[in-house]
Amino acid sequence: MYLRLDLHSFLPSFAVVDTAAHHNNKRAREVCAGISPGEIVVFDKAYVDFEHLRDLDQREFW
């Protein structure tokens, strides 16, 4: 499950429920596509798509 929370209401604004057959990096990029600078992104500690993490860092996500 991939979930984005609205930081004002703390309610989900986007969710993807999927099987474990897909790799995390594809879904993580979909979830992060619409976020704005300054928003907080939380990943499982096993998430290691360094290219995507670098992209988020350059776009000033925390």
Protein backbone atom coordinates (compact mmCIF):
# COMPACT_ATOMS: atom_id res chain seq x y z
CA MET A 1 0.00 0.00 0.00
CA TYR A 2 1.25 3.44 -0.92
CA LEU A 3 -0.37 6.43 0.72
CA ARG A 4 -0.09 10.22 0.68
CA LEU A 5 -1.57 12.20 3.53
CA ASP A 6 -2.92 15.72 3.32
CA LEU A 7 -0.86 17.52 5.96
CA HIS A 8 -3.74 19.89 6.79
CA SER A 9 -6.44 17.30 7.42
CA PHE A 10 -4.28 14.20 8.00
CA LEU A 11 -6.61 12.34 5.65
CA PRO A 12 -5.41 10.31 2.67
CA SER A 13 -5.21 12.28 -0.55
CA PHE A 14 -3.86 9.45 -2.71
CA ALA A 15 -3.60 5.70 -2.26
CA VAL A 16 -2.43 2.71 -4.29
CA VAL A 17 -3.13 -0.81 -3.12
CA ASP A 18 -1.10 -3.35 -5.05
CA THR A 19 0.34 -6.85 -4.84
CA ALA A 20 3.96 -7.49 -3.94
CA ALA A 21 4.58 -8.54 -7.55
CA HIS A 22 5.61 -5.00 -8.55
CA HIS A 23 8.83 -3.36 -7.54
CA ASN A 24 8.56 -0.45 -5.09
CA ASN A 25 10.42 2.09 -7.20
CA LYS A 26 7.71 2.28 -9.89
CA ARG A 27 4.91 2.90 -7.38
CA ALA A 28 7.01 5.23 -5.23
CA ARG A 29 7.62 7.47 -8.22
CA GLU A 30 3.86 7.54 -8.96
CA VAL A 31 3.06 8.50 -5.37
CA CYS A 32 5.74 11.22 -5.31
CA ALA A 33 4.86 12.69 -8.72
CA GLY A 34 2.43 15.30 -7.39
CA ILE A 35 4.03 16.36 -4.12
CA SER A 36 5.25 19.89 -3.51
CA PRO A 37 8.60 21.12 -2.13
CA GLY A 38 8.63 21.15 1.67
CA GLU A 39 6.37 18.11 2.01
CA ILE A 40 7.64 15.12 3.93
CA VAL A 41 8.22 11.79 2.20
CA VAL A 42 8.51 8.60 4.25
CA PHE A 43 9.81 5.32 2.82
CA ASP A 44 10.41 1.87 4.19
CA LYS A 45 14.04 1.58 5.30
CA ALA A 46 14.63 -1.04 2.59
CA TYR A 47 13.79 1.44 -0.19
CA VAL A 48 17.08 1.96 -2.04
CA ASP A 49 16.34 3.64 -5.38
CA PHE A 50 19.15 6.17 -5.03
CA GLU A 51 18.35 7.90 -8.32
CA HIS A 52 14.80 8.61 -7.12
CA LEU A 53 16.02 9.71 -3.67
CA ARG A 54 18.52 12.09 -5.31
CA ASP A 55 15.74 13.49 -7.49
CA LEU A 56 13.58 14.14 -4.42
CA ASP A 57 16.52 15.77 -2.62
CA GLN A 58 17.16 18.09 -5.58
CA ARG A 59 13.45 19.00 -5.56
CA GLU A 60 13.82 19.87 -1.82
CA PHE A 61 11.67 17.16 -0.27
CA TRP A 62 12.45 16.04 3.27
